[in-house]
Amino acid sequence: MGKGDMKSRKGKLSAGTFGKRRPHKPPVKSTGTNTKPAAKADAPK
């Protein structure tokens, strides 16, 4: 649980590596739906 522990955050910081515990960038939050509303095509009558 110190600087030599590669599974802890402190160990990753001291070694300068990235992994599951210390990803490069935060995950992107998705809303689950499209931001643009779908265009509705009118059927010919």
Foldseek 3Di string as FASTA:
>chain_A
DACCDCVDPNVCVNVVHADDRHHPDDDDDDPPDDPDDDDDDDDDD
